[in-house]
Amino acid sequence: MTLHHQRAERHTLSIRKGDNVKIIAGKDSGKTGRVLSVNAKKNTVVVEHASIIKRHTRPNPGKNIKGGIVEKEGPVNVSNVMIVCPSCGKHSRTGHSILPDGTKVRVCKRCNTTLDK
């Protein structure tokens, strides 16, 4: 099969939009921020104030866009981020547990508290 016809796999990610994460590898390692978007097909997340890239944009008066060099957040691979637990305040891996009412929730592996509201 050629590369053109391969299907992109959708991974199930334990990181969701709005989570606080810490970057553990790459040029921005050590930074923490909120997840702005998640791309499950490309296995990437966009973290606030991390992996800043520069885009040269052309002005478009119709869409009210000013031209120039725009700095925005770029994608970071999911393997390079760890979720920050709200209760213990440390970065940790996530596990899953099933509550008595049957709902599945994410759990901090360090302190065993639920990450979902």
PDB file of N, CA and C in Angstrom:
ATOM      1  N   MET A   1       0.842  -1.179   0.000  1.00  0.00           N
ATOM      2  CA  MET A   1       0.000   0.000   0.000  1.00  0.00           C
ATOM      3  C   MET A   1       0.887   1.243   0.000  1.00  0.00           C
ATOM      4  N   THR A   2       0.536   2.213  -0.798  1.00  0.00           N
ATOM      5  CA  THR A   2       1.359   3.420  -0.850  1.00  0.00           C
ATOM      6  C   THR A   2       1.073   4.300   0.360  1.00  0.00           C
ATOM      7  N   LEU A   3       1.979   5.220   0.589  1.00  0.00           N
ATOM      8  CA  LEU A   3       1.854   6.119   1.732  1.00  0.00           C
ATOM      9  C   LEU A   3       0.617   6.999   1.613  1.00  0.00           C
ATOM     10  N   HIS A   4       0.204   7.254   0.380  1.00  0.00           N
ATOM     11  CA  HIS A   4      -0.933   8.136   0.135  1.00  0.00           C
ATOM     12  C   HIS A   4      -2.251   7.558   0.638  1.00  0.00           C
ATOM     13  N   HIS A   5      -2.364   6.240   0.599  1.00  0.00           N
ATOM     14  CA  HIS A   5      -3.642   5.623   0.924  1.00  0.00           C
ATOM     15  C   HIS A   5      -3.710   5.068   2.335  1.00  0.00           C
ATOM     16  N   GLN A   6      -2.648   5.291   3.132  1.00  0.00           N
ATOM     17  CA  GLN A   6      -2.692   4.802   4.503  1.00  0.00           C
ATOM     18  C   GLN A   6      -3.667   5.633   5.324  1.00  0.00           C
ATOM     19  N   ARG A   7      -4.326   4.975   6.238  1.00  0.00           N
ATOM     20  CA  ARG A   7      -5.330   5.634   7.049  1.00  0.00           C
ATOM     21  C   ARG A   7      -4.700   6.143   8.336  1.00  0.00           C
ATOM     22  N   ALA A   8      -5.034   7.356   8.723  1.00  0.00           N
ATOM     23  CA  ALA A   8      -4.494   7.909   9.964  1.00  0.00           C
ATOM     24  C   ALA A   8      -5.200   7.259  11.147  1.00  0.00           C
ATOM     25  N   GLU A   9      -4.417   6.721  12.095  1.00  0.00           N
ATOM     26  CA  GLU A   9      -5.005   6.090  13.265  1.00  0.00           C
ATOM     27  C   GLU A   9      -5.414   7.151  14.267  1.00  0.00           C
ATOM     28  N   ARG A  10      -6.576   6.960  14.868  1.00  0.00           N
ATOM     29  CA  ARG A  10      -7.010   7.868  15.933  1.00  0.00           C
ATOM     30  C   ARG A  10      -6.668   7.208  17.257  1.00  0.00           C
ATOM     31  N   HIS A  11      -5.836   7.891  18.036  1.00  0.00           N
ATOM     32  CA  HIS A  11      -5.401   7.362  19.320  1.00  0.00           C
ATOM     33  C   HIS A  11      -6.345   7.865  20.406  1.00  0.00           C
ATOM     34  N   THR A  12      -6.543   7.065  21.439  1.00  0.00           N
ATOM     35  CA  THR A  12      -7.300   7.550  22.585  1.00  0.00           C
ATOM     36  C   THR A  12      -6.308   8.224  23.517  1.00  0.00           C
ATOM     37  N   LEU A  13      -6.525   9.488  23.782  1.00  0.00           N
ATOM     38  CA  LEU A  13      -5.592  10.274  24.571  1.00  0.00           C
ATOM     39  C   LEU A  13      -6.138  10.496  25.970  1.00  0.00           C
ATOM     40  N   SER A  14      -5.247  10.482  26.953  1.00  0.00           N
ATOM     41  CA  SER A  14      -5.666  10.720  28.332  1.00  0.00           C
ATOM     42  C   SER A  14      -5.597  12.201  28.683  1.00  0.00           C
ATOM     43  N   ILE A  15      -5.270  13.032  27.706  1.00  0.00           N
ATOM     44  CA  ILE A  15      -5.193  14.475  27.927  1.00  0.00           C
ATOM     45  C   ILE A  15      -6.317  15.133  27.153  1.00  0.00           C
ATOM     46  N   ARG A  16      -7.024  16.031  27.807  1.00  0.00           N
ATOM     47  CA  ARG A  16      -8.167  16.689  27.186  1.00  0.00           C
ATOM     48  C   ARG A  16      -7.983  18.196  27.187  1.00  0.00           C
ATOM     49  N   LYS A  17      -8.817  18.873  26.404  1.00  0.00           N
ATOM     50  CA  LYS A  17      -8.783  20.325  26.323  1.00  0.00           C
ATOM     51  C   LYS A  17      -9.117  20.912  27.693  1.00  0.00           C
ATOM     52  N   GLY A  18      -8.329  21.893  28.123  1.00  0.00           N
ATOM     53  CA  GLY A  18      -8.553  22.535  29.412  1.00  0.00           C
ATOM     54  C   GLY A  18      -7.701  21.986  30.543  1.00  0.00           C
ATOM     55  N   ASP A  19      -7.028  20.849  30.327  1.00  0.00           N
ATOM     56  CA  ASP A  19      -6.161  20.274  31.357  1.00  0.00           C
ATOM     57  C   ASP A  19      -4.897  21.114  31.520  1.00  0.00           C
ATOM     58  N   ASN A  20      -4.350  21.113  32.728  1.00  0.00           N
ATOM     59  CA  ASN A  20      -3.039  21.711  32.954  1.00  0.00           C
ATOM     60  C   ASN A  20      -1.993  20.636  32.740  1.00  0.00           C
ATOM     61  N   VAL A  21      -0.990  20.923  31.897  1.00  0.00           N
ATOM     62  CA  VAL A  21       0.039  19.942  31.597  1.00  0.00           C
ATOM     63  C   VAL A  21       1.419  20.554  31.789  1.00  0.00           C
ATOM     64  N   LYS A  22       2.405  19.686  31.977  1.00  0.00           N
ATOM     65  CA  LYS A  22       3.800  20.098  32.068  1.00  0.00           C
ATOM     66  C   LYS A  22       4.538  19.458  30.904  1.00  0.00           C
ATOM     67  N   ILE A  23       5.345  20.241  30.205  1.00  0.00           N
ATOM     68  CA  ILE A  23       6.119  19.717  29.088  1.00  0.00           C
ATOM     69  C   ILE A  23       7.391  19.102  29.658  1.00  0.00           C
ATOM     70  N   ILE A  24       7.630  17.829  29.323  1.00  0.00           N
ATOM     71  CA  ILE A  24       8.742  17.101  29.923  1.00  0.00           C
ATOM     72  C   ILE A  24       9.889  16.889  28.949  1.00  0.00           C
ATOM     73  N   ALA A  25       9.692  17.205  27.658  1.00  0.00           N
ATOM     74  CA  ALA A  25      10.761  17.008  26.678  1.00  0.00           C
ATOM     75  C   ALA A  25      10.640  18.057  25.587  1.00  0.00           C
ATOM     76  N   GLY A  26      11.763  18.337  24.926  1.00  0.00           N
ATOM     77  CA  GLY A  26      11.763  19.299  23.837  1.00  0.00           C
ATOM     78  C   GLY A  26      12.315  20.643  24.264  1.00  0.00           C
ATOM     79  N   LYS A  27      12.169  21.629  23.371  1.00  0.00           N
ATOM     80  CA  LYS A  27      12.766  22.939  23.636  1.00  0.00           C
ATOM     81  C   LYS A  27      12.082  23.700  24.762  1.00  0.00           C
ATOM     82  N   ASP A  28      10.839  23.350  25.070  1.00  0.00           N
ATOM     83  CA  ASP A  28      10.098  24.043  26.127  1.00  0.00           C
ATOM     84  C   ASP A  28       9.938  23.190  27.376  1.00  0.00           C
ATOM     85  N   SER A  29      10.843  22.245  27.613  1.00  0.00           N
ATOM     86  CA  SER A  29      10.680  21.349  28.754  1.00  0.00           C
ATOM     87  C   SER A  29      10.724  22.135  30.060  1.00  0.00           C
ATOM     88  N   GLY A  30       9.830  21.758  30.962  1.00  0.00           N
ATOM     89  CA  GLY A  30       9.723  22.439  32.249  1.00  0.00           C
ATOM     90  C   GLY A  30       8.588  23.425  32.312  1.00  0.00           C
ATOM     91  N   LYS A  31       8.074  23.871  31.166  1.00  0.00           N
ATOM     92  CA  LYS A  31       6.977  24.831  31.151  1.00  0.00           C
ATOM     93  C   LYS A  31       5.660  24.123  31.447  1.00  0.00           C
ATOM     94  N   THR A  32       4.755  24.839  32.101  1.00  0.00           N
ATOM     95  CA  THR A  32       3.418  24.314  32.325  1.00  0.00           C
ATOM     96  C   THR A  32       2.420  25.252  31.678  1.00  0.00           C
ATOM     97  N   GLY A  33       1.291  24.701  31.278  1.00  0.00           N
ATOM     98  CA  GLY A  33       0.258  25.516  30.661  1.00  0.00           C
ATOM     99  C   GLY A  33      -1.018  24.721  30.443  1.00  0.00           C
ATOM    100  N   ARG A  34      -2.044  25.443  29.991  1.00  0.00           N
ATOM    101  CA  ARG A  34      -3.345  24.839  29.746  1.00  0.00           C
ATOM    102  C   ARG A  34      -3.405  24.324  28.325  1.00  0.00           C
ATOM    103  N   VAL A  35      -4.073  23.195  28.114  1.00  0.00           N
ATOM    104  CA  VAL A  35      -4.221  22.623  26.775  1.00  0.00           C
ATOM    105  C   VAL A  35      -5.314  23.402  26.042  1.00  0.00           C
ATOM    106  N   LEU A  36      -4.953  23.970  24.882  1.00  0.00           N
ATOM    107  CA  LEU A  36      -5.907  24.741  24.096  1.00  0.00           C
ATOM    108  C   LEU A  36      -6.666  23.867  23.110  1.00  0.00           C
ATOM    109  N   SER A  37      -5.984  22.882  22.518  1.00  0.00           N
ATOM    110  CA  SER A  37      -6.659  21.973  21.589  1.00  0.00           C
ATOM    111  C   SER A  37      -5.923  20.642  21.553  1.00  0.00           C
ATOM    112  N   VAL A  38      -6.665  19.601  21.165  1.00  0.00           N
ATOM    113  CA  VAL A  38      -6.129  18.247  21.092  1.00  0.00           C
ATOM    114  C   VAL A  38      -6.409  17.703  19.699  1.00  0.00           C
ATOM    115  N   ASN A  39      -5.382  17.137  19.050  1.00  0.00           N
ATOM    116  CA  ASN A  39      -5.555  16.493  17.749  1.00  0.00           C
ATOM    117  C   ASN A  39      -5.240  15.014  17.919  1.00  0.00           C
ATOM    118  N   ALA A  40      -6.290  14.197  17.993  1.00  0.00           N
ATOM    119  CA  ALA A  40      -6.107  12.766  18.260  1.00  0.00           C
ATOM    120  C   ALA A  40      -5.536  12.046  17.046  1.00  0.00           C
ATOM    121  N   LYS A  41      -5.813  12.533  15.844  1.00  0.00           N
ATOM    122  CA  LYS A  41      -5.288  11.879  14.645  1.00  0.00           C
ATOM    123  C   LYS A  41      -3.787  12.063  14.525  1.00  0.00           C
ATOM    124  N   LYS A  42      -3.294  13.273  14.827  1.00  0.00           N
ATOM    125  CA  LYS A  42      -1.864  13.544  14.736  1.00  0.00           C
ATOM    126  C   LYS A  42      -1.140  13.293  16.048  1.00  0.00           C
ATOM    127  N   ASN A  43      -1.896  12.947  17.110  1.00  0.00           N
ATOM    128  CA  ASN A  43      -1.314  12.628  18.413  1.00  0.00           C
ATOM    129  C   ASN A  43      -0.598  13.840  19.018  1.00  0.00           C
ATOM    130  N   THR A  44      -1.188  15.033  18.845  1.00  0.00           N
ATOM    131  CA  THR A  44      -0.563  16.253  19.337  1.00  0.00           C
ATOM    132  C   THR A  44      -1.535  17.082  20.175  1.00  0.00           C
ATOM    133  N   VAL A  45      -0.971  17.960  20.985  1.00  0.00           N
ATOM    134  CA  VAL A  45      -1.752  18.931  21.754  1.00  0.00           C
ATOM    135  C   VAL A  45      -1.123  20.312  21.557  1.00  0.00           C
ATOM    136  N   VAL A  46      -1.933  21.360  21.701  1.00  0.00           N
ATOM    137  CA  VAL A  46      -1.434  22.730  21.662  1.00  0.00           C
ATOM    138  C   VAL A  46      -1.526  23.271  23.082  1.00  0.00           C
ATOM    139  N   VAL A  47      -0.375  23.668  23.638  1.00  0.00           N
ATOM    140  CA  VAL A  47      -0.298  24.126  25.021  1.00  0.00           C
ATOM    141  C   VAL A  47      -0.096  25.636  25.032  1.00  0.00           C
ATOM    142  N   GLU A  48      -0.804  26.298  25.946  1.00  0.00           N
ATOM    143  CA  GLU A  48      -0.743  27.746  26.069  1.00  0.00           C
ATOM    144  C   GLU A  48       0.669  28.200  26.437  1.00  0.00           C
ATOM    145  N   HIS A  49       1.188  29.187  25.717  1.00  0.00           N
ATOM    146  CA  HIS A  49       2.514  29.790  25.936  1.00  0.00           C
ATOM    147  C   HIS A  49       3.663  28.792  25.811  1.00  0.00           C
ATOM    148  N   ALA A  50       3.514  27.778  24.968  1.00  0.00           N
ATOM    149  CA  ALA A  50       4.588  26.810  24.760  1.00  0.00           C
ATOM    150  C   ALA A  50       4.710  26.514  23.272  1.00  0.00           C
ATOM    151  N   SER A  51       5.903  26.156  22.834  1.00  0.00           N
ATOM    152  CA  SER A  51       6.186  25.835  21.443  1.00  0.00           C
ATOM    153  C   SER A  51       5.746  26.975  20.516  1.00  0.00           C
ATOM    154  N   ILE A  52       6.220  28.172  20.834  1.00  0.00           N
ATOM    155  CA  ILE A  52       5.833  29.366  20.076  1.00  0.00           C
ATOM    156  C   ILE A  52       6.494  29.324  18.698  1.00  0.00           C
ATOM    157  N   ILE A  53       5.670  29.488  17.646  1.00  0.00           N
ATOM    158  CA  ILE A  53       6.165  29.531  16.274  1.00  0.00           C
ATOM    159  C   ILE A  53       5.794  30.871  15.661  1.00  0.00           C
ATOM    160  N   LYS A  54       6.543  31.266  14.640  1.00  0.00           N
ATOM    161  CA  LYS A  54       6.286  32.537  13.964  1.00  0.00           C
ATOM    162  C   LYS A  54       5.672  32.275  12.602  1.00  0.00           C
ATOM    163  N   ARG A  55       4.612  32.995  12.294  1.00  0.00           N
ATOM    164  CA  ARG A  55       3.928  32.892  11.006  1.00  0.00           C
ATOM    165  C   ARG A  55       3.980  34.245  10.317  1.00  0.00           C
ATOM    166  N   HIS A  56       4.378  34.257   9.071  1.00  0.00           N
ATOM    167  CA  HIS A  56       4.361  35.492   8.298  1.00  0.00           C
ATOM    168  C   HIS A  56       3.015  35.578   7.596  1.00  0.00           C
ATOM    169  N   THR A  57       2.201  36.538   8.003  1.00  0.00           N
ATOM    170  CA  THR A  57       0.851  36.648   7.441  1.00  0.00           C
ATOM    171  C   THR A  57       0.742  37.873   6.558  1.00  0.00           C
ATOM    172  N   ARG A  58      -0.036  37.729   5.514  1.00  0.00           N
ATOM    173  CA  ARG A  58      -0.293  38.826   4.595  1.00  0.00           C
ATOM    174  C   ARG A  58      -1.568  39.533   5.050  1.00  0.00           C
ATOM    175  N   PRO A  59      -1.611  40.856   4.960  1.00  0.00           N
ATOM    176  CA  PRO A  59      -2.799  41.580   5.430  1.00  0.00           C
ATOM    177  C   PRO A  59      -4.034  41.250   4.588  1.00  0.00           C
ATOM    178  N   ASN A  60      -5.177  41.114   5.259  1.00  0.00           N
ATOM    179  CA  ASN A  60      -6.444  40.844   4.600  1.00  0.00           C
ATOM    180  C   ASN A  60      -7.501  41.768   5.206  1.00  0.00           C
ATOM    181  N   PRO A  61      -7.766  42.907   4.539  1.00  0.00           N
ATOM    182  CA  PRO A  61      -8.727  43.866   5.108  1.00  0.00           C
ATOM    183  C   PRO A  61     -10.141  43.295   5.204  1.00  0.00           C
ATOM    184  N   GLY A  62     -10.484  42.360   4.335  1.00  0.00           N
ATOM    185  CA  GLY A  62     -11.826  41.775   4.367  1.00  0.00           C
ATOM    186  C   GLY A  62     -12.091  41.006   5.645  1.00  0.00           C
ATOM    187  N   LYS A  63     -11.076  40.292   6.140  1.00  0.00           N
ATOM    188  CA  LYS A  63     -11.223  39.523   7.378  1.00  0.00           C
ATOM    189  C   LYS A  63     -10.641  40.268   8.574  1.00  0.00           C
ATOM    190  N   ASN A  64     -10.257  41.531   8.367  1.00  0.00           N
ATOM    191  CA  ASN A  64      -9.722  42.402   9.417  1.00  0.00           C
ATOM    192  C   ASN A  64      -8.455  41.808  10.034  1.00  0.00           C
ATOM    193  N   ILE A  65      -7.558  41.309   9.166  1.00  0.00           N
ATOM    194  CA  ILE A  65      -6.297  40.725   9.615  1.00  0.00           C
ATOM    195  C   ILE A  65      -5.162  41.672   9.246  1.00  0.00           C
ATOM    196  N   LYS A  66      -4.362  42.049  10.245  1.00  0.00           N
ATOM    197  CA  LYS A  66      -3.202  42.877   9.977  1.00  0.00           C
ATOM    198  C   LYS A  66      -2.042  41.968   9.589  1.00  0.00           C
ATOM    199  N   GLY A  67      -1.238  42.434   8.678  1.00  0.00           N
ATOM    200  CA  GLY A  67      -0.095  41.643   8.229  1.00  0.00           C
ATOM    201  C   GLY A  67       1.068  41.746   9.190  1.00  0.00           C
ATOM    202  N   GLY A  68       2.090  40.941   8.924  1.00  0.00           N
ATOM    203  CA  GLY A  68       3.296  40.981   9.738  1.00  0.00           C
ATOM    204  C   GLY A  68       3.636  39.612  10.273  1.00  0.00           C
ATOM    205  N   ILE A  69       4.520  39.596  11.259  1.00  0.00           N
ATOM    206  CA  ILE A  69       4.949  38.336  11.863  1.00  0.00           C
ATOM    207  C   ILE A  69       4.088  38.082  13.091  1.00  0.00           C
ATOM    208  N   VAL A  70       3.356  36.982  13.067  1.00  0.00           N
ATOM    209  CA  VAL A  70       2.456  36.624  14.167  1.00  0.00           C
ATOM    210  C   VAL A  70       3.057  35.449  14.924  1.00  0.00           C
ATOM    211  N   GLU A  71       3.101  35.564  16.236  1.00  0.00           N
ATOM    212  CA  GLU A  71       3.578  34.462  17.064  1.00  0.00           C
ATOM    213  C   GLU A  71       2.384  33.724  17.644  1.00  0.00           C
ATOM    214  N   LYS A  72       2.387  32.395  17.489  1.00  0.00           N
ATOM    215  CA  LYS A  72       1.307  31.596  18.055  1.00  0.00           C
ATOM    216  C   LYS A  72       1.848  30.261  18.526  1.00  0.00           C
ATOM    217  N   GLU A  73       1.007  29.533  19.261  1.00  0.00           N
ATOM    218  CA  GLU A  73       1.427  28.245  19.818  1.00  0.00           C
ATOM    219  C   GLU A  73       1.394  27.172  18.743  1.00  0.00           C
ATOM    220  N   GLY A  74       2.406  26.327  18.751  1.00  0.00           N
ATOM    221  CA  GLY A  74       2.461  25.209  17.825  1.00  0.00           C
ATOM    222  C   GLY A  74       2.145  23.912  18.537  1.00  0.00           C
ATOM    223  N   PRO A  75       1.977  22.831  17.781  1.00  0.00           N
ATOM    224  CA  PRO A  75       1.632  21.553  18.401  1.00  0.00           C
ATOM    225  C   PRO A  75       2.830  20.901  19.098  1.00  0.00           C
ATOM    226  N   VAL A  76       2.522  20.155  20.158  1.00  0.00           N
ATOM    227  CA  VAL A  76       3.508  19.387  20.913  1.00  0.00           C
ATOM    228  C   VAL A  76       3.009  17.947  20.935  1.00  0.00           C
ATOM    229  N   ASN A  77       3.906  16.993  20.738  1.00  0.00           N
ATOM    230  CA  ASN A  77       3.490  15.592  20.767  1.00  0.00           C
ATOM    231  C   ASN A  77       3.018  15.210  22.165  1.00  0.00           C
ATOM    232  N   VAL A  78       2.002  14.367  22.229  1.00  0.00           N
ATOM    233  CA  VAL A  78       1.404  13.971  23.502  1.00  0.00           C
ATOM    234  C   VAL A  78       2.414  13.253  24.392  1.00  0.00           C
ATOM    235  N   SER A  79       3.376  12.556  23.786  1.00  0.00           N
ATOM    236  CA  SER A  79       4.375  11.843  24.579  1.00  0.00           C
ATOM    237  C   SER A  79       5.300  12.796  25.325  1.00  0.00           C
ATOM    238  N   ASN A  80       5.309  14.064  24.943  1.00  0.00           N
ATOM    239  CA  ASN A  80       6.198  15.043  25.578  1.00  0.00           C
ATOM    240  C   ASN A  80       5.522  15.857  26.668  1.00  0.00           C
ATOM    241  N   VAL A  81       4.263  15.555  26.990  1.00  0.00           N
ATOM    242  CA  VAL A  81       3.561  16.291  28.049  1.00  0.00           C
ATOM    243  C   VAL A  81       3.027  15.313  29.088  1.00  0.00           C
ATOM    244  N   MET A  82       2.955  15.794  30.334  1.00  0.00           N
ATOM    245  CA  MET A  82       2.344  15.032  31.429  1.00  0.00           C
ATOM    246  C   MET A  82       1.327  15.915  32.107  1.00  0.00           C
ATOM    247  N   ILE A  83       0.234  15.296  32.529  1.00  0.00           N
ATOM    248  CA  ILE A  83      -0.845  16.048  33.158  1.00  0.00           C
ATOM    249  C   ILE A  83      -0.433  16.454  34.572  1.00  0.00           C
ATOM    250  N   VAL A  84      -0.834  17.665  34.991  1.00  0.00           N
ATOM    251  CA  VAL A  84      -0.550  18.147  36.337  1.00  0.00           C
ATOM    252  C   VAL A  84      -1.799  17.927  37.176  1.00  0.00           C
ATOM    253  N   CYS A  85      -1.653  17.175  38.266  1.00  0.00           N
ATOM    254  CA  CYS A  85      -2.790  16.861  39.136  1.00  0.00           C
ATOM    255  C   CYS A  85      -3.203  18.110  39.907  1.00  0.00           C
ATOM    256  N   PRO A  86      -4.507  18.469  39.900  1.00  0.00           N
ATOM    257  CA  PRO A  86      -4.939  19.659  40.632  1.00  0.00           C
ATOM    258  C   PRO A  86      -4.820  19.513  42.154  1.00  0.00           C
ATOM    259  N   SER A  87      -4.900  18.295  42.681  1.00  0.00           N
ATOM    260  CA  SER A  87      -4.884  18.139  44.139  1.00  0.00           C
ATOM    261  C   SER A  87      -3.468  18.073  44.701  1.00  0.00           C
ATOM    262  N   CYS A  88      -2.567  17.276  44.074  1.00  0.00           N
ATOM    263  CA  CYS A  88      -1.212  17.195  44.626  1.00  0.00           C
ATOM    264  C   CYS A  88      -0.257  18.188  43.964  1.00  0.00           C
ATOM    265  N   GLY A  89      -0.639  18.765  42.823  1.00  0.00           N
ATOM    266  CA  GLY A  89       0.154  19.805  42.180  1.00  0.00           C
ATOM    267  C   GLY A  89       1.377  19.313  41.446  1.00  0.00           C
ATOM    268  N   LYS A  90       1.524  17.987  41.296  1.00  0.00           N
ATOM    269  CA  LYS A  90       2.680  17.434  40.610  1.00  0.00           C
ATOM    270  C   LYS A  90       2.252  16.800  39.294  1.00  0.00           C
ATOM    271  N   HIS A  91       3.207  16.673  38.376  1.00  0.00           N
ATOM    272  CA  HIS A  91       2.897  15.996  37.116  1.00  0.00           C
ATOM    273  C   HIS A  91       2.914  14.497  37.353  1.00  0.00           C
ATOM    274  N   SER A  92       1.952  13.810  36.731  1.00  0.00           N
ATOM    275  CA  SER A  92       1.856  12.375  36.964  1.00  0.00           C
ATOM    276  C   SER A  92       1.221  11.702  35.763  1.00  0.00           C
ATOM    277  N   ARG A  93       1.306  10.378  35.770  1.00  0.00           N
ATOM    278  CA  ARG A  93       0.617   9.600  34.748  1.00  0.00           C
ATOM    279  C   ARG A  93      -0.842   9.466  35.156  1.00  0.00           C
ATOM    280  N   THR A  94      -1.663   9.057  34.189  1.00  0.00           N
ATOM    281  CA  THR A  94      -3.078   8.917  34.495  1.00  0.00           C
ATOM    282  C   THR A  94      -3.485   7.463  34.399  1.00  0.00           C
ATOM    283  N   GLY A  95      -4.401   7.094  35.278  1.00  0.00           N
ATOM    284  CA  GLY A  95      -5.018   5.785  35.231  1.00  0.00           C
ATOM    285  C   GLY A  95      -6.513   5.975  35.080  1.00  0.00           C
ATOM    286  N   HIS A  96      -7.253   4.880  35.027  1.00  0.00           N
ATOM    287  CA  HIS A  96      -8.700   4.959  34.916  1.00  0.00           C
ATOM    288  C   HIS A  96      -9.320   4.101  36.004  1.00  0.00           C
ATOM    289  N   SER A  97     -10.449   4.570  36.523  1.00  0.00           N
ATOM    290  CA  SER A  97     -11.204   3.761  37.472  1.00  0.00           C
ATOM    291  C   SER A  97     -12.681   3.976  37.198  1.00  0.00           C
ATOM    292  N   ILE A  98     -13.467   3.005  37.597  1.00  0.00           N
ATOM    293  CA  ILE A  98     -14.905   3.067  37.371  1.00  0.00           C
ATOM    294  C   ILE A  98     -15.582   3.359  38.706  1.00  0.00           C
ATOM    295  N   LEU A  99     -16.385   4.429  38.713  1.00  0.00           N
ATOM    296  CA  LEU A  99     -17.085   4.830  39.926  1.00  0.00           C
ATOM    297  C   LEU A  99     -18.263   3.888  40.184  1.00  0.00           C
ATOM    298  N   PRO A 100     -18.824   3.914  41.404  1.00  0.00           N
ATOM    299  CA  PRO A 100     -19.960   3.030  41.703  1.00  0.00           C
ATOM    300  C   PRO A 100     -21.172   3.232  40.785  1.00  0.00           C
ATOM    301  N   ASP A 101     -21.343   4.461  40.260  1.00  0.00           N
ATOM    302  CA  ASP A 101     -22.496   4.682  39.361  1.00  0.00           C
ATOM    303  C   ASP A 101     -22.204   4.248  37.925  1.00  0.00           C
ATOM    304  N   GLY A 102     -20.991   3.714  37.657  1.00  0.00           N
ATOM    305  CA  GLY A 102     -20.689   3.151  36.345  1.00  0.00           C
ATOM    306  C   GLY A 102     -19.924   4.064  35.411  1.00  0.00           C
ATOM    307  N   THR A 103     -19.616   5.292  35.824  1.00  0.00           N
ATOM    308  CA  THR A 103     -18.877   6.197  34.948  1.00  0.00           C
ATOM    309  C   THR A 103     -17.375   5.955  35.094  1.00  0.00           C
ATOM    310  N   LYS A 104     -16.674   6.094  33.978  1.00  0.00           N
ATOM    311  CA  LYS A 104     -15.228   5.888  33.950  1.00  0.00           C
ATOM    312  C   LYS A 104     -14.547   7.251  34.088  1.00  0.00           C
ATOM    313  N   VAL A 105     -13.627   7.372  35.028  1.00  0.00           N
ATOM    314  CA  VAL A 105     -12.944   8.649  35.270  1.00  0.00           C
ATOM    315  C   VAL A 105     -11.440   8.457  35.217  1.00  0.00           C
ATOM    316  N   ARG A 106     -10.735   9.547  34.926  1.00  0.00           N
ATOM    317  CA  ARG A 106      -9.276   9.535  34.946  1.00  0.00           C
ATOM    318  C   ARG A 106      -8.807   9.745  36.387  1.00  0.00           C
ATOM    319  N   VAL A 107      -7.723   9.073  36.748  1.00  0.00           N
ATOM    320  CA  VAL A 107      -7.225   9.099  38.126  1.00  0.00           C
ATOM    321  C   VAL A 107      -5.742   9.433  38.100  1.00  0.00           C
ATOM    322  N   CYS A 108      -5.301  10.273  39.043  1.00  0.00           N
ATOM    323  CA  CYS A 108      -3.878  10.570  39.224  1.00  0.00           C
ATOM    324  C   CYS A 108      -3.193   9.349  39.809  1.00  0.00           C
ATOM    325  N   LYS A 109      -2.065   8.929  39.216  1.00  0.00           N
ATOM    326  CA  LYS A 109      -1.358   7.742  39.684  1.00  0.00           C
ATOM    327  C   LYS A 109      -0.554   8.012  40.965  1.00  0.00           C
ATOM    328  N   ARG A 110      -0.291   9.293  41.268  1.00  0.00           N
ATOM    329  CA  ARG A 110       0.482   9.612  42.472  1.00  0.00           C
ATOM    330  C   ARG A 110      -0.394   9.624  43.718  1.00  0.00           C
ATOM    331  N   CYS A 111      -1.527  10.361  43.636  1.00  0.00           N
ATOM    332  CA  CYS A 111      -2.342  10.545  44.851  1.00  0.00           C
ATOM    333  C   CYS A 111      -3.701   9.852  44.768  1.00  0.00           C
ATOM    334  N   ASN A 112      -3.996   9.211  43.644  1.00  0.00           N
ATOM    335  CA  ASN A 112      -5.240   8.434  43.460  1.00  0.00           C
ATOM    336  C   ASN A 112      -6.521   9.261  43.532  1.00  0.00           C
ATOM    337  N   THR A 113      -6.457  10.568  43.240  1.00  0.00           N
ATOM    338  CA  THR A 113      -7.675  11.376  43.187  1.00  0.00           C
ATOM    339  C   THR A 113      -8.138  11.504  41.746  1.00  0.00           C
ATOM    340  N   THR A 114      -9.424  11.763  41.563  1.00  0.00           N
ATOM    341  CA  THR A 114      -9.967  11.852  40.211  1.00  0.00           C
ATOM    342  C   THR A 114      -9.568  13.177  39.578  1.00  0.00           C
ATOM    343  N   LEU A 115      -9.275  13.150  38.262  1.00  0.00           N
ATOM    344  CA  LEU A 115      -8.889  14.346  37.530  1.00  0.00           C
ATOM    345  C   LEU A 115     -10.101  15.010  36.889  1.00  0.00           C
ATOM    346  N   ASP A 116     -11.190  14.250  36.698  1.00  0.00           N
ATOM    347  CA  ASP A 116     -12.384  14.796  36.070  1.00  0.00           C
ATOM    348  C   ASP A 116     -13.278  15.425  37.143  1.00  0.00           C
ATOM    349  N   LYS A 117     -13.997  16.456  36.715  1.00  0.00           N
ATOM    350  CA  LYS A 117     -14.890  17.131  37.651  1.00  0.00           C
ATOM    351  C   LYS A 117     -16.148  16.308  37.860  1.00  0.00           C
TER     352      LYS A 117
END
